[in-house]
Protein backbone atom coordinates (compact mmCIF):
# COMPACT_ATOMS: atom_id res chain seq x y z
CA MET A 1 0.00 0.00 0.00
CA ALA A 2 1.27 3.48 -0.85
CA LYS A 3 2.18 5.89 1.90
CA PHE A 4 0.48 9.31 1.73
CA THR A 5 2.13 12.54 2.70
CA LYS A 6 0.31 14.82 5.10
CA GLU A 7 -0.45 17.24 2.25
CA GLU A 8 -1.88 14.47 0.04
CA PHE A 9 -4.07 13.26 2.89
CA ILE A 10 -5.39 16.76 3.62
CA ASN A 11 -6.04 17.42 -0.07
CA GLY A 12 -7.94 14.13 -0.23
CA LEU A 13 -10.05 15.18 2.77
CA LYS A 14 -10.89 18.47 1.06
CA GLU A 15 -12.45 16.54 -1.81
CA MET A 16 -14.67 14.43 0.48
CA THR A 17 -18.24 15.14 1.50
CA ILE A 18 -19.12 15.45 5.18
CA LEU A 19 -20.69 11.99 5.10
CA GLU A 20 -17.52 10.51 3.61
CA VAL A 21 -15.37 12.18 6.30
CA LYS A 22 -17.68 10.81 9.02
CA GLU A 23 -17.37 7.32 7.55
CA LEU A 24 -13.57 7.73 7.48
CA VAL A 25 -13.53 8.76 11.15
CA ASP A 26 -15.73 5.79 12.07
CA ALA A 27 -13.41 3.44 10.15
CA MET A 28 -10.37 4.91 11.95
CA LYS A 29 -12.09 4.35 15.31
CA GLU A 30 -12.75 0.73 14.38
CA GLU A 31 -9.30 0.04 12.89
CA PHE A 32 -7.11 1.79 15.47
CA GLY A 33 -9.38 1.99 18.52
CA VAL A 34 -8.84 5.76 18.74
CA ASP A 35 -11.30 8.55 18.13
CA PRO A 36 -9.36 11.06 15.97
CA SER A 37 -11.88 13.81 16.72
CA ALA A 38 -11.18 13.46 20.47
CA VAL A 39 -7.46 13.90 19.85
CA ALA A 40 -8.11 17.02 17.76
CA VAL A 41 -10.34 18.50 20.47
CA ALA A 42 -7.80 17.76 23.20
CA ALA A 43 -5.03 19.47 21.22
CA ALA A 44 -7.08 22.53 20.30
CA PRO A 45 -6.73 24.58 23.53
CA ALA A 46 -2.95 24.76 23.24
CA ALA A 47 -3.24 26.03 19.67
CA VAL A 48 -5.86 28.64 20.60
CA GLU A 49 -3.77 30.27 23.33
CA GLU A 50 -2.58 33.73 22.31
CA GLY A 51 0.00 35.89 23.98
CA PRO A 52 0.77 36.08 27.67
CA SER A 53 -1.96 35.29 30.17
CA THR A 54 -0.96 38.17 32.46
CA LYS A 55 -0.11 41.76 31.67
CA THR A 56 1.14 44.88 33.39
CA VAL A 57 -0.74 48.17 32.91
CA VAL A 58 1.75 51.03 32.48
CA LEU A 59 0.73 54.70 32.58
CA LYS A 60 2.70 56.69 30.02
CA ASN A 61 0.86 60.00 30.36
CA ALA A 62 -2.16 61.04 32.44
CA GLY A 63 -3.40 63.40 29.73
CA ALA A 64 -5.43 66.58 30.08
CA ASN A 65 -8.06 65.13 32.45
CA LYS A 66 -5.58 64.13 35.17
CA ILE A 67 -8.16 64.29 37.99
CA ALA A 68 -10.27 61.54 36.39
CA VAL A 69 -7.16 59.40 35.89
CA ILE A 70 -6.11 59.93 39.53
CA LYS A 71 -9.55 58.80 40.70
CA ILE A 72 -9.33 55.60 38.65
CA ILE A 73 -5.78 54.87 39.85
CA LYS A 74 -6.86 55.43 43.45
CA GLU A 75 -9.86 53.15 43.01
CA VAL A 76 -8.09 50.23 41.31
CA THR A 77 -4.87 50.26 43.33
CA GLY A 78 -6.09 51.20 46.78
CA LEU A 79 -3.45 53.93 46.97
CA GLY A 80 -4.06 57.16 48.86
CA LEU A 81 -4.74 60.40 47.03
CA VAL A 82 -1.13 61.64 47.28
CA GLU A 83 0.32 58.34 46.02
CA ALA A 84 -2.21 58.11 43.17
CA LYS A 85 -1.42 61.72 42.15
CA GLY A 86 2.31 60.94 42.24
CA LEU A 87 1.77 57.97 39.94
CA ALA A 88 -0.34 60.08 37.60
CA ASP A 89 2.35 62.79 37.52
CA LYS A 90 5.34 60.50 36.97
CA GLY A 91 3.76 57.53 35.19
CA GLY A 92 4.71 53.93 35.77
CA ASN A 93 3.13 50.58 36.54
CA ILE A 94 -0.42 50.85 37.77
CA LYS A 95 -1.05 47.11 38.20
CA GLU A 96 1.37 44.27 37.53
CA ASN A 97 0.80 40.67 36.42
CA ILE A 98 -2.99 40.83 36.23
CA PRO A 99 -5.14 38.67 33.95
CA ALA A 100 -5.10 39.87 30.34
CA ALA A 101 -8.86 40.55 30.29
CA GLU A 102 -8.64 42.68 33.44
CA ALA A 103 -5.65 44.58 32.00
CA ASP A 104 -7.53 45.27 28.76
CA ALA A 105 -10.56 46.54 30.68
CA LEU A 106 -8.41 48.80 32.90
CA LYS A 107 -6.57 50.12 29.84
CA ALA A 108 -9.88 50.99 28.17
CA GLN A 109 -11.14 52.70 31.34
CA LEU A 110 -8.00 54.81 31.71
CA GLU A 111 -7.85 55.69 28.00
CA GLU A 112 -11.48 56.80 28.17
CA ALA A 113 -10.42 59.20 30.93
CA GLY A 114 -7.70 60.57 28.65
CA ALA A 115 -4.61 58.65 29.78
CA GLU A 116 -1.99 57.13 27.51
CA ILE A 117 -1.58 53.47 28.52
CA GLU A 118 0.76 50.67 27.49
CA LEU A 119 0.36 46.96 28.27
CA ALA A 120 3.55 45.07 29.01
């Protein structure tokens, strides 16, 4: 029996109908005792992962509406007013190693207030 390359096999699959692919999967289950669709599903999460899972929110510039930015910094960090104002004046890390979704939401909130934000 001839050995197929991966490309030849995939091109052959592209020419099959859904019913033919299902029959092929069923035949592979019977022949090898393995469900190829289960292997594909188990491998999928690793392929879907994008970028780092944690980020650091860095203030580059507080912008023209510095008071609104100070209020947000104070609220999300728990810093006092003087410390939050110092961070708004000098810039720097607002929150470090937080989940990417939380970092994106905080970035959007601060940018809406007029700040220039970078995610690291």
